[in-house]
Amino acid sequence: MDIEFIRERITQLRLQKGVSEYKMSYDLGHSRGYINNISSGKTLPSMTEFLAICEYFGITPIEFFNAGALNPRVNRELLNALEQLSEEDLALTLMNVKRLLKK
């Protein structure tokens, strides 16, 4: 994990959210080129700004650094929903997921 990861991850999450660099910069209260400067490698966000970026995407810093999570917000929603199921429903859900993975 390196600086390139941070830039690429912000870009990946921004594209998933469907917002432009300009809109994201504006939404975060910065000049129009702020996110472009991060994406192009000219700068990195401060820790405060990094936390604001995570909040903007609706994810935690841990979810940000989980490179295997393509859509961390949806993963968290799914886990929260699973925690509310009974043991029997969890077993059925797991069976269905395994069936889907075989396709």
N, C-alpha and C. Protein backbone atom coordinates (compact mmCIF):
# COMPACT_ATOMS: atom_id res chain seq x y z
N MET A 1 0.85 -1.17 0.00
CA MET A 1 0.00 0.00 0.00
C MET A 1 0.90 1.23 0.00
N ASP A 2 0.57 2.18 -0.88
CA ASP A 2 1.40 3.37 -1.00
C ASP A 2 0.54 4.58 -1.39
N ILE A 3 1.21 5.66 -1.73
CA ILE A 3 0.53 6.89 -2.10
C ILE A 3 -0.36 6.66 -3.33
N GLU A 4 0.13 5.87 -4.25
CA GLU A 4 -0.65 5.57 -5.47
C GLU A 4 -1.97 4.90 -5.10
N PHE A 5 -1.95 4.03 -4.10
CA PHE A 5 -3.18 3.36 -3.66
C PHE A 5 -4.21 4.39 -3.21
N ILE A 6 -3.79 5.37 -2.42
CA ILE A 6 -4.71 6.38 -1.90
C ILE A 6 -5.35 7.14 -3.05
N ARG A 7 -4.56 7.56 -4.02
CA ARG A 7 -5.09 8.30 -5.17
C ARG A 7 -6.06 7.43 -5.96
N GLU A 8 -5.67 6.21 -6.22
CA GLU A 8 -6.53 5.32 -7.01
C GLU A 8 -7.82 4.97 -6.27
N ARG A 9 -7.71 4.79 -4.96
CA ARG A 9 -8.89 4.43 -4.18
C ARG A 9 -9.89 5.59 -4.15
N ILE A 10 -9.40 6.81 -4.00
CA ILE A 10 -10.30 7.97 -4.04
C ILE A 10 -10.99 8.04 -5.40
N THR A 11 -10.24 7.83 -6.46
CA THR A 11 -10.82 7.85 -7.80
C THR A 11 -11.86 6.75 -7.95
N GLN A 12 -11.54 5.54 -7.51
CA GLN A 12 -12.48 4.42 -7.60
C GLN A 12 -13.79 4.73 -6.87
N LEU A 13 -13.67 5.21 -5.65
CA LEU A 13 -14.87 5.51 -4.85
C LEU A 13 -15.65 6.68 -5.44
N ARG A 14 -14.94 7.66 -5.97
CA ARG A 14 -15.60 8.81 -6.60
C ARG A 14 -16.40 8.38 -7.82
N LEU A 15 -15.82 7.51 -8.64
CA LEU A 15 -16.52 7.02 -9.83
C LEU A 15 -17.73 6.17 -9.44
N GLN A 16 -17.60 5.37 -8.39
CA GLN A 16 -18.74 4.58 -7.91
C GLN A 16 -19.87 5.49 -7.46
N LYS A 17 -19.51 6.59 -6.86
CA LYS A 17 -20.52 7.54 -6.38
C LYS A 17 -21.10 8.34 -7.55
N GLY A 18 -20.39 8.36 -8.66
CA GLY A 18 -20.89 9.04 -9.85
C GLY A 18 -20.75 10.56 -9.80
N VAL A 19 -19.68 11.04 -9.17
CA VAL A 19 -19.46 12.48 -9.11
C VAL A 19 -18.15 12.85 -9.79
N SER A 20 -18.11 14.04 -10.30
CA SER A 20 -16.90 14.54 -10.95
C SER A 20 -15.90 15.01 -9.90
N GLU A 21 -14.66 15.18 -10.33
CA GLU A 21 -13.64 15.73 -9.43
C GLU A 21 -14.06 17.12 -8.96
N TYR A 22 -14.60 17.90 -9.89
CA TYR A 22 -15.03 19.25 -9.54
C TYR A 22 -16.13 19.23 -8.49
N LYS A 23 -17.15 18.40 -8.68
CA LYS A 23 -18.27 18.33 -7.73
C LYS A 23 -17.80 17.88 -6.36
N MET A 24 -16.93 16.86 -6.34
CA MET A 24 -16.43 16.37 -5.06
C MET A 24 -15.63 17.46 -4.35
N SER A 25 -14.78 18.16 -5.10
CA SER A 25 -14.00 19.26 -4.52
C SER A 25 -14.94 20.30 -3.92
N TYR A 26 -15.96 20.66 -4.68
CA TYR A 26 -16.93 21.66 -4.23
C TYR A 26 -17.67 21.17 -2.99
N ASP A 27 -18.13 19.91 -3.02
CA ASP A 27 -18.87 19.34 -1.89
C ASP A 27 -18.03 19.32 -0.61
N LEU A 28 -16.72 19.16 -0.77
CA LEU A 28 -15.83 19.13 0.38
C LEU A 28 -15.38 20.54 0.81
N GLY A 29 -15.82 21.55 0.06
CA GLY A 29 -15.51 22.93 0.43
C GLY A 29 -14.16 23.42 -0.07
N HIS A 30 -13.69 22.86 -1.16
CA HIS A 30 -12.38 23.24 -1.71
C HIS A 30 -12.52 23.85 -3.09
N SER A 31 -11.40 24.33 -3.60
CA SER A 31 -11.37 24.86 -4.95
C SER A 31 -11.63 23.73 -5.94
N ARG A 32 -11.99 24.09 -7.14
CA ARG A 32 -12.42 23.09 -8.13
C ARG A 32 -11.33 22.06 -8.47
N GLY A 33 -10.07 22.38 -8.29
CA GLY A 33 -8.99 21.47 -8.65
C GLY A 33 -8.48 20.60 -7.51
N TYR A 34 -9.08 20.68 -6.34
CA TYR A 34 -8.57 19.97 -5.17
C TYR A 34 -8.46 18.47 -5.40
N ILE A 35 -9.53 17.84 -5.81
CA ILE A 35 -9.51 16.38 -6.02
C ILE A 35 -8.64 16.03 -7.21
N ASN A 36 -8.62 16.86 -8.23
CA ASN A 36 -7.75 16.62 -9.37
C ASN A 36 -6.29 16.62 -8.94
N ASN A 37 -5.92 17.52 -8.04
CA ASN A 37 -4.55 17.57 -7.54
C ASN A 37 -4.19 16.29 -6.77
N ILE A 38 -5.16 15.73 -6.06
CA ILE A 38 -4.91 14.46 -5.36
C ILE A 38 -4.79 13.33 -6.37
N SER A 39 -5.74 13.27 -7.30
CA SER A 39 -5.76 12.19 -8.30
C SER A 39 -4.53 12.19 -9.19
N SER A 40 -4.01 13.38 -9.47
CA SER A 40 -2.85 13.46 -10.36
C SER A 40 -1.52 13.32 -9.62
N GLY A 41 -1.56 13.24 -8.30
CA GLY A 41 -0.35 13.04 -7.53
C GLY A 41 0.36 14.30 -7.11
N LYS A 42 -0.26 15.45 -7.32
CA LYS A 42 0.37 16.71 -6.93
C LYS A 42 0.35 16.92 -5.42
N THR A 43 -0.65 16.32 -4.76
CA THR A 43 -0.78 16.49 -3.32
C THR A 43 -1.52 15.30 -2.72
N LEU A 44 -1.51 15.22 -1.42
CA LEU A 44 -2.30 14.24 -0.68
C LEU A 44 -3.17 14.98 0.32
N PRO A 45 -4.30 14.42 0.68
CA PRO A 45 -5.13 15.09 1.68
C PRO A 45 -4.49 15.02 3.06
N SER A 46 -4.76 16.03 3.87
CA SER A 46 -4.33 15.98 5.26
C SER A 46 -5.17 14.92 5.97
N MET A 47 -4.82 14.59 7.19
CA MET A 47 -5.59 13.60 7.94
C MET A 47 -7.03 14.08 8.13
N THR A 48 -7.21 15.35 8.43
CA THR A 48 -8.55 15.91 8.60
C THR A 48 -9.34 15.78 7.31
N GLU A 49 -8.70 16.09 6.20
CA GLU A 49 -9.38 15.99 4.91
C GLU A 49 -9.63 14.54 4.52
N PHE A 50 -8.70 13.65 4.86
CA PHE A 50 -8.90 12.23 4.60
C PHE A 50 -10.16 11.73 5.31
N LEU A 51 -10.33 12.14 6.58
CA LEU A 51 -11.52 11.74 7.33
C LEU A 51 -12.78 12.33 6.70
N ALA A 52 -12.69 13.56 6.20
CA ALA A 52 -13.83 14.18 5.51
C ALA A 52 -14.15 13.43 4.22
N ILE A 53 -13.13 12.96 3.52
CA ILE A 53 -13.33 12.19 2.29
C ILE A 53 -14.02 10.87 2.62
N CYS A 54 -13.59 10.21 3.66
CA CYS A 54 -14.25 8.96 4.07
C CYS A 54 -15.71 9.22 4.40
N GLU A 55 -15.97 10.29 5.13
CA GLU A 55 -17.35 10.64 5.48
C GLU A 55 -18.16 10.94 4.22
N TYR A 56 -17.55 11.61 3.27
CA TYR A 56 -18.21 11.94 2.00
C TYR A 56 -18.67 10.66 1.29
N PHE A 57 -17.84 9.63 1.34
CA PHE A 57 -18.19 8.37 0.70
C PHE A 57 -19.05 7.47 1.59
N GLY A 58 -19.24 7.87 2.84
CA GLY A 58 -20.05 7.08 3.77
C GLY A 58 -19.36 5.80 4.22
N ILE A 59 -18.02 5.88 4.35
CA ILE A 59 -17.25 4.70 4.75
C ILE A 59 -16.32 5.07 5.91
N THR A 60 -15.80 4.06 6.56
CA THR A 60 -14.82 4.26 7.63
C THR A 60 -13.41 4.23 7.02
N PRO A 61 -12.42 4.76 7.74
CA PRO A 61 -11.04 4.65 7.24
C PRO A 61 -10.62 3.19 7.00
N ILE A 62 -11.07 2.29 7.85
CA ILE A 62 -10.74 0.87 7.65
C ILE A 62 -11.30 0.38 6.32
N GLU A 63 -12.53 0.77 6.02
CA GLU A 63 -13.15 0.37 4.75
C GLU A 63 -12.42 1.00 3.57
N PHE A 64 -11.91 2.21 3.75
CA PHE A 64 -11.15 2.87 2.69
C PHE A 64 -9.94 2.03 2.32
N PHE A 65 -9.23 1.53 3.33
CA PHE A 65 -8.00 0.79 3.07
C PHE A 65 -8.21 -0.69 2.76
N ASN A 66 -9.44 -1.15 2.80
CA ASN A 66 -9.75 -2.53 2.42
C ASN A 66 -9.85 -2.59 0.90
N ALA A 67 -8.74 -2.84 0.26
CA ALA A 67 -8.67 -2.80 -1.20
C ALA A 67 -9.56 -3.84 -1.86
N GLY A 68 -9.87 -4.91 -1.17
CA GLY A 68 -10.70 -5.96 -1.75
C GLY A 68 -12.18 -5.61 -1.77
N ALA A 69 -12.57 -4.58 -1.04
CA ALA A 69 -13.98 -4.19 -0.98
C ALA A 69 -14.28 -3.24 -2.13
N LEU A 70 -14.98 -3.74 -3.14
CA LEU A 70 -15.30 -2.89 -4.28
C LEU A 70 -16.33 -1.83 -3.92
N ASN A 71 -17.26 -2.18 -3.05
CA ASN A 71 -18.28 -1.22 -2.64
C ASN A 71 -18.45 -1.34 -1.12
N PRO A 72 -17.57 -0.68 -0.36
CA PRO A 72 -17.57 -0.87 1.09
C PRO A 72 -18.86 -0.45 1.78
N ARG A 73 -19.54 0.56 1.26
CA ARG A 73 -20.79 1.01 1.89
C ARG A 73 -21.84 -0.09 1.81
N VAL A 74 -21.95 -0.73 0.65
CA VAL A 74 -22.92 -1.82 0.48
C VAL A 74 -22.53 -3.01 1.34
N ASN A 75 -21.23 -3.30 1.41
CA ASN A 75 -20.77 -4.41 2.26
C ASN A 75 -21.18 -4.19 3.72
N ARG A 76 -21.01 -2.94 4.20
CA ARG A 76 -21.38 -2.64 5.59
C ARG A 76 -22.88 -2.78 5.79
N GLU A 77 -23.68 -2.30 4.82
CA GLU A 77 -25.14 -2.42 4.93
C GLU A 77 -25.54 -3.89 4.97
N LEU A 78 -24.89 -4.70 4.15
CA LEU A 78 -25.20 -6.13 4.12
C LEU A 78 -24.86 -6.78 5.46
N LEU A 79 -23.68 -6.47 5.99
CA LEU A 79 -23.30 -7.04 7.29
C LEU A 79 -24.26 -6.61 8.40
N ASN A 80 -24.66 -5.35 8.38
CA ASN A 80 -25.61 -4.87 9.38
C ASN A 80 -26.94 -5.61 9.27
N ALA A 81 -27.39 -5.86 8.05
CA ALA A 81 -28.64 -6.59 7.86
C ALA A 81 -28.50 -8.04 8.31
N LEU A 82 -27.36 -8.67 8.00
CA LEU A 82 -27.14 -10.07 8.39
C LEU A 82 -27.14 -10.23 9.91
N GLU A 83 -26.64 -9.24 10.61
CA GLU A 83 -26.60 -9.32 12.07
C GLU A 83 -27.99 -9.36 12.70
N GLN A 84 -29.00 -8.99 11.94
CA GLN A 84 -30.36 -8.97 12.46
C GLN A 84 -31.12 -10.26 12.18
N LEU A 85 -30.50 -11.17 11.42
CA LEU A 85 -31.17 -12.42 11.07
C LEU A 85 -31.01 -13.47 12.16
N SER A 86 -31.96 -14.39 12.18
CA SER A 86 -31.88 -15.52 13.10
C SER A 86 -30.83 -16.50 12.59
N GLU A 87 -30.45 -17.44 13.42
CA GLU A 87 -29.48 -18.47 13.02
C GLU A 87 -29.99 -19.24 11.80
N GLU A 88 -31.27 -19.58 11.82
CA GLU A 88 -31.87 -20.33 10.71
C GLU A 88 -31.81 -19.52 9.41
N ASP A 89 -32.15 -18.23 9.49
CA ASP A 89 -32.11 -17.38 8.30
C ASP A 89 -30.69 -17.15 7.81
N LEU A 90 -29.74 -17.07 8.75
CA LEU A 90 -28.33 -16.95 8.35
C LEU A 90 -27.88 -18.18 7.57
N ALA A 91 -28.27 -19.36 8.05
CA ALA A 91 -27.89 -20.59 7.36
C ALA A 91 -28.50 -20.63 5.97
N LEU A 92 -29.75 -20.22 5.83
CA LEU A 92 -30.40 -20.19 4.51
C LEU A 92 -29.72 -19.17 3.59
N THR A 93 -29.36 -18.04 4.15
CA THR A 93 -28.70 -17.01 3.37
C THR A 93 -27.34 -17.49 2.88
N LEU A 94 -26.60 -18.13 3.76
CA LEU A 94 -25.29 -18.67 3.37
C LEU A 94 -25.45 -19.71 2.27
N MET A 95 -26.45 -20.55 2.38
CA MET A 95 -26.70 -21.55 1.35
C MET A 95 -26.98 -20.88 0.00
N ASN A 96 -27.78 -19.83 0.02
CA ASN A 96 -28.09 -19.10 -1.21
C ASN A 96 -26.86 -18.43 -1.81
N VAL A 97 -26.03 -17.85 -0.96
CA VAL A 97 -24.81 -17.21 -1.45
C VAL A 97 -23.89 -18.25 -2.10
N LYS A 98 -23.73 -19.39 -1.48
CA LYS A 98 -22.90 -20.45 -2.05
C LYS A 98 -23.45 -20.91 -3.38
N ARG A 99 -24.78 -21.01 -3.47
CA ARG A 99 -25.40 -21.41 -4.73
C ARG A 99 -25.13 -20.37 -5.82
N LEU A 100 -25.23 -19.10 -5.48
CA LEU A 100 -24.97 -18.03 -6.45
C LEU A 100 -23.50 -18.02 -6.92
N LEU A 101 -22.60 -18.34 -6.02
CA LEU A 101 -21.18 -18.35 -6.37
C LEU A 101 -20.81 -19.48 -7.31
N LYS A 102 -21.62 -20.52 -7.36
CA LYS A 102 -21.33 -21.65 -8.24
C LYS A 102 -21.63 -21.33 -9.70
N LYS A 103 -22.41 -20.31 -9.94
CA LYS A 103 -22.79 -19.95 -11.33
C LYS A 103 -21.66 -19.42 -12.12
